Amino acid sequence: MTGRYGKAVMRVVLKATGVVAVLTGTSVVLLGGRAVPGGTEASASVESALRFYAVWWVAAGPVLWQAAGRVGNGDPRVRQLALITTAGGVARLVAAWQSGLPHPLFQALTVTELIGGPLLALCDDRVSEIARRAPAAVDLPHVGCDGRSTGSPP
């Protein structure tokens, strides 16, 4: 994966995940357990906890959008998000072990989180390394529409 292409793909993935976080989190805040595929309304305590966690998921959306702008810059937040994603996949494995297999969507999400988290960290490392090795941009004079130099770029 080249630096520019890899950076673009990672940005799209992080931004799309941020959109999903806001939309699904908002849905769970409003509908509770009924918003979860295969779910139903749960006890008052479970509904309370689920909706509380859903607000955190909504808040993760803008964090993911910000991280998308930091891909390839060696920013530790991208790696932290990768670690959190992997930890979420591990938590889903524990839940499946203790309670049985969830809806197929959540099984797919578990695999995605367990693979995607480490892959995100590795790709960010690779893109950051490519960016570090790239020659510094040359400050060329800006040329206007008429072909004459206007000095430094705006």
C-alpha atoms as a PDB file:
ATOM      1  CA  MET A   1       0.000   0.000   0.000  1.00  0.00           C
ATOM      2  CA  THR A   2       1.509   3.297  -1.057  1.00  0.00           C
ATOM      3  CA  GLY A   3       1.575   6.227   1.327  1.00  0.00           C
ATOM      4  CA  ARG A   4      -0.943   8.428  -0.460  1.00  0.00           C
ATOM      5  CA  TYR A   5      -3.317   5.584  -1.364  1.00  0.00           C
ATOM      6  CA  GLY A   6      -3.041   3.967   2.063  1.00  0.00           C
ATOM      7  CA  LYS A   7      -3.653   7.260   3.796  1.00  0.00           C
ATOM      8  CA  ALA A   8      -6.760   7.895   1.691  1.00  0.00           C
ATOM      9  CA  VAL A   9      -8.177   4.417   2.361  1.00  0.00           C
ATOM     10  CA  MET A  10      -7.556   4.709   6.083  1.00  0.00           C
ATOM     11  CA  ARG A  11      -9.191   8.129   6.181  1.00  0.00           C
ATOM     12  CA  VAL A  12     -12.287   6.809   4.408  1.00  0.00           C
ATOM     13  CA  VAL A  13     -12.525   3.840   6.785  1.00  0.00           C
ATOM     14  CA  LEU A  14     -12.194   6.020   9.886  1.00  0.00           C
ATOM     15  CA  LYS A  15     -14.681   8.616   8.630  1.00  0.00           C
ATOM     16  CA  ALA A  16     -17.203   5.931   7.602  1.00  0.00           C
ATOM     17  CA  THR A  17     -16.838   4.255  10.991  1.00  0.00           C
ATOM     18  CA  GLY A  18     -17.445   7.638  12.610  1.00  0.00           C
ATOM     19  CA  VAL A  19     -20.677   8.061  10.659  1.00  0.00           C
ATOM     20  CA  VAL A  20     -21.793   4.550  11.648  1.00  0.00           C
ATOM     21  CA  ALA A  21     -20.971   5.323  15.292  1.00  0.00           C
ATOM     22  CA  VAL A  22     -23.123   8.449  15.321  1.00  0.00           C
ATOM     23  CA  LEU A  23     -26.059   6.839  13.489  1.00  0.00           C
ATOM     24  CA  THR A  24     -26.143   3.526  15.371  1.00  0.00           C
ATOM     25  CA  GLY A  25     -25.421   5.163  18.718  1.00  0.00           C
ATOM     26  CA  THR A  26     -28.244   7.642  18.228  1.00  0.00           C
ATOM     27  CA  SER A  27     -30.558   4.784  17.262  1.00  0.00           C
ATOM     28  CA  VAL A  28     -29.730   2.892  20.465  1.00  0.00           C
ATOM     29  CA  VAL A  29     -30.129   6.044  22.586  1.00  0.00           C
ATOM     30  CA  LEU A  30     -33.628   6.507  21.145  1.00  0.00           C
ATOM     31  CA  LEU A  31     -34.796   2.876  20.875  1.00  0.00           C
ATOM     32  CA  GLY A  32     -32.686   0.982  23.400  1.00  0.00           C
ATOM     33  CA  GLY A  33     -32.408  -2.770  22.933  1.00  0.00           C
ATOM     34  CA  ARG A  34     -35.001  -2.699  20.139  1.00  0.00           C
ATOM     35  CA  ALA A  35     -32.416  -0.941  17.929  1.00  0.00           C
ATOM     36  CA  VAL A  36     -30.006  -3.873  18.192  1.00  0.00           C
ATOM     37  CA  PRO A  37     -30.334  -6.561  15.482  1.00  0.00           C
ATOM     38  CA  GLY A  38     -31.941  -9.577  17.145  1.00  0.00           C
ATOM     39  CA  GLY A  39     -32.553  -7.512  20.273  1.00  0.00           C
ATOM     40  CA  THR A  40     -35.662  -6.708  22.263  1.00  0.00           C
ATOM     41  CA  GLU A  41     -36.432  -4.345  25.076  1.00  0.00           C
ATOM     42  CA  ALA A  42     -34.447  -5.440  28.124  1.00  0.00           C
ATOM     43  CA  SER A  43     -34.780  -4.831  31.847  1.00  0.00           C
ATOM     44  CA  ALA A  44     -34.675  -1.236  33.052  1.00  0.00           C
ATOM     45  CA  SER A  45     -31.087  -1.632  34.287  1.00  0.00           C
ATOM     46  CA  VAL A  46     -29.851  -3.126  31.006  1.00  0.00           C
ATOM     47  CA  GLU A  47     -31.685  -0.439  28.988  1.00  0.00           C
ATOM     48  CA  SER A  48     -30.128   2.260  31.177  1.00  0.00           C
ATOM     49  CA  ALA A  49     -26.610   0.890  30.760  1.00  0.00           C
ATOM     50  CA  LEU A  50     -27.054   0.271  27.019  1.00  0.00           C
ATOM     51  CA  ARG A  51     -28.267   3.805  26.344  1.00  0.00           C
ATOM     52  CA  PHE A  52     -25.467   5.271  28.480  1.00  0.00           C
ATOM     53  CA  TYR A  53     -22.849   3.349  26.462  1.00  0.00           C
ATOM     54  CA  ALA A  54     -24.592   4.384  23.258  1.00  0.00           C
ATOM     55  CA  VAL A  55     -23.916   8.043  24.073  1.00  0.00           C
ATOM     56  CA  TRP A  56     -20.206   7.188  24.297  1.00  0.00           C
ATOM     57  CA  TRP A  57     -20.478   5.475  20.906  1.00  0.00           C
ATOM     58  CA  VAL A  58     -22.075   8.618  19.452  1.00  0.00           C
ATOM     59  CA  ALA A  59     -19.230  10.680  20.929  1.00  0.00           C
ATOM     60  CA  ALA A  60     -16.710   8.329  19.286  1.00  0.00           C
ATOM     61  CA  GLY A  61     -17.883   9.508  15.853  1.00  0.00           C
ATOM     62  CA  PRO A  62     -16.193  12.926  15.946  1.00  0.00           C
ATOM     63  CA  VAL A  63     -13.096  11.360  17.550  1.00  0.00           C
ATOM     64  CA  LEU A  64     -12.854   8.981  14.584  1.00  0.00           C
ATOM     65  CA  TRP A  65     -13.289  11.900  12.156  1.00  0.00           C
ATOM     66  CA  GLN A  66     -10.456  13.781  13.884  1.00  0.00           C
ATOM     67  CA  ALA A  67      -8.249  10.689  13.805  1.00  0.00           C
ATOM     68  CA  ALA A  68      -8.850  10.414  10.058  1.00  0.00           C
ATOM     69  CA  GLY A  69      -7.052  13.723   9.635  1.00  0.00           C
ATOM     70  CA  ARG A  70      -4.079  12.448  11.643  1.00  0.00           C
ATOM     71  CA  VAL A  71      -3.462   9.231   9.709  1.00  0.00           C
ATOM     72  CA  GLY A  72       0.157   8.871   8.710  1.00  0.00           C
ATOM     73  CA  ASN A  73       1.381  11.608  11.044  1.00  0.00           C
ATOM     74  CA  GLY A  74       2.549   9.244  13.775  1.00  0.00           C
ATOM     75  CA  ASP A  75      -0.247  10.544  16.023  1.00  0.00           C
ATOM     76  CA  PRO A  76      -0.750   8.114  18.934  1.00  0.00           C
ATOM     77  CA  ARG A  77      -4.522   8.583  18.813  1.00  0.00           C
ATOM     78  CA  VAL A  78      -4.792   6.427  15.700  1.00  0.00           C
ATOM     79  CA  ARG A  79      -2.955   3.602  17.468  1.00  0.00           C
ATOM     80  CA  GLN A  80      -5.113   4.127  20.581  1.00  0.00           C
ATOM     81  CA  LEU A  81      -8.275   3.778  18.499  1.00  0.00           C
ATOM     82  CA  ALA A  82      -6.838   0.604  16.979  1.00  0.00           C
ATOM     83  CA  LEU A  83      -6.195  -0.787  20.460  1.00  0.00           C
ATOM     84  CA  ILE A  84      -9.687   0.145  21.663  1.00  0.00           C
ATOM     85  CA  THR A  85     -11.207  -1.514  18.583  1.00  0.00           C
ATOM     86  CA  THR A  86      -9.284  -4.727  19.244  1.00  0.00           C
ATOM     87  CA  ALA A  87     -10.248  -4.662  22.925  1.00  0.00           C
ATOM     88  CA  GLY A  88     -13.892  -4.332  21.877  1.00  0.00           C
ATOM     89  CA  GLY A  89     -13.518  -7.441  19.720  1.00  0.00           C
ATOM     90  CA  VAL A  90     -12.015  -9.320  22.669  1.00  0.00           C
ATOM     91  CA  ALA A  91     -14.933  -8.204  24.869  1.00  0.00           C
ATOM     92  CA  ARG A  92     -17.344  -9.586  22.245  1.00  0.00           C
ATOM     93  CA  LEU A  93     -15.465 -12.917  22.333  1.00  0.00           C
ATOM     94  CA  VAL A  94     -15.884 -13.045  26.112  1.00  0.00           C
ATOM     95  CA  ALA A  95     -19.603 -12.321  25.716  1.00  0.00           C
ATOM     96  CA  ALA A  96     -19.972 -15.106  23.121  1.00  0.00           C
ATOM     97  CA  TRP A  97     -18.096 -17.516  25.372  1.00  0.00           C
ATOM     98  CA  GLN A  98     -20.270 -16.666  28.380  1.00  0.00           C
ATOM     99  CA  SER A  99     -23.644 -16.175  26.680  1.00  0.00           C
ATOM    100  CA  GLY A 100     -23.494 -17.945  23.323  1.00  0.00           C
ATOM    101  CA  LEU A 101     -23.179 -16.648  19.794  1.00  0.00           C
ATOM    102  CA  PRO A 102     -24.881 -13.326  19.055  1.00  0.00           C
ATOM    103  CA  HIS A 103     -26.694 -12.234  15.892  1.00  0.00           C
ATOM    104  CA  PRO A 104     -24.578 -12.903  12.754  1.00  0.00           C
ATOM    105  CA  LEU A 105     -23.963  -9.154  12.356  1.00  0.00           C
ATOM    106  CA  PHE A 106     -22.190  -9.081  15.717  1.00  0.00           C
ATOM    107  CA  GLN A 107     -20.204 -12.193  14.837  1.00  0.00           C
ATOM    108  CA  ALA A 108     -18.974 -10.397  11.706  1.00  0.00           C
ATOM    109  CA  LEU A 109     -18.208  -7.258  13.729  1.00  0.00           C
ATOM    110  CA  THR A 110     -16.168  -9.331  16.191  1.00  0.00           C
ATOM    111  CA  VAL A 111     -13.971 -10.676  13.396  1.00  0.00           C
ATOM    112  CA  THR A 112     -13.704  -7.197  11.861  1.00  0.00           C
ATOM    113  CA  GLU A 113     -12.623  -5.667  15.176  1.00  0.00           C
ATOM    114  CA  LEU A 114     -10.106  -8.401  15.970  1.00  0.00           C
ATOM    115  CA  ILE A 115      -8.506  -8.100  12.533  1.00  0.00           C
ATOM    116  CA  GLY A 116      -9.218  -4.439  11.786  1.00  0.00           C
ATOM    117  CA  GLY A 117      -7.688  -2.996  14.958  1.00  0.00           C
ATOM    118  CA  PRO A 118      -4.220  -4.479  14.439  1.00  0.00           C
ATOM    119  CA  LEU A 119      -4.451  -3.833  10.697  1.00  0.00           C
ATOM    120  CA  LEU A 120      -5.241  -0.156  11.351  1.00  0.00           C
ATOM    121  CA  ALA A 121      -2.192   0.157  13.616  1.00  0.00           C
ATOM    122  CA  LEU A 122       0.085  -1.595  11.111  1.00  0.00           C
ATOM    123  CA  CYS A 123      -1.178   0.483   8.185  1.00  0.00           C
ATOM    124  CA  ASP A 124      -0.772   3.720  10.129  1.00  0.00           C
ATOM    125  CA  ASP A 125       2.787   2.718  11.018  1.00  0.00           C
ATOM    126  CA  ARG A 126       3.518   1.964   7.361  1.00  0.00           C
ATOM    127  CA  VAL A 127       1.956   5.178   6.045  1.00  0.00           C
ATOM    128  CA  SER A 128       3.763   7.201   8.736  1.00  0.00           C
ATOM    129  CA  GLU A 129       7.070   5.582   7.772  1.00  0.00           C
ATOM    130  CA  ILE A 130       6.510   6.383   4.097  1.00  0.00           C
ATOM    131  CA  ALA A 131       5.682   9.993   5.017  1.00  0.00           C
ATOM    132  CA  ARG A 132       8.878  10.273   7.100  1.00  0.00           C
ATOM    133  CA  ARG A 133      10.986   9.027   4.199  1.00  0.00           C
ATOM    134  CA  ALA A 134       9.368  11.284   1.585  1.00  0.00           C
ATOM    135  CA  PRO A 135      11.412  14.296   0.550  1.00  0.00           C
ATOM    136  CA  ALA A 136      10.211  17.596   1.922  1.00  0.00           C
ATOM    137  CA  ALA A 137       7.933  19.561  -0.371  1.00  0.00           C
ATOM    138  CA  VAL A 138       9.705  22.198  -2.406  1.00  0.00           C
ATOM    139  CA  ASP A 139       8.323  25.702  -2.031  1.00  0.00           C
ATOM    140  CA  LEU A 140       7.864  26.662  -5.667  1.00  0.00           C
ATOM    141  CA  PRO A 141       6.695  30.122  -6.681  1.00  0.00           C
ATOM    142  CA  HIS A 142       2.983  30.372  -7.348  1.00  0.00           C
ATOM    143  CA  VAL A 143       2.064  30.968 -10.963  1.00  0.00           C
ATOM    144  CA  GLY A 144      -1.118  32.853 -11.644  1.00  0.00           C
ATOM    145  CA  CYS A 145      -3.656  32.100 -14.374  1.00  0.00           C
ATOM    146  CA  ASP A 146      -1.844  34.487 -16.708  1.00  0.00           C
ATOM    147  CA  GLY A 147       1.385  32.486 -16.380  1.00  0.00           C
ATOM    148  CA  ARG A 148       3.256  35.135 -14.372  1.00  0.00           C
ATOM    149  CA  SER A 149       4.797  34.377 -11.004  1.00  0.00           C
ATOM    150  CA  THR A 150       2.946  35.886  -8.069  1.00  0.00           C
ATOM    151  CA  GLY A 151       5.535  34.926  -5.449  1.00  0.00           C
ATOM    152  CA  SER A 152       4.911  32.386  -2.705  1.00  0.00           C
ATOM    153  CA  PRO A 153       1.839  30.151  -2.785  1.00  0.00           C
ATOM    154  CA  PRO A 154      -1.234  31.668  -1.135  1.00  0.00           C
END
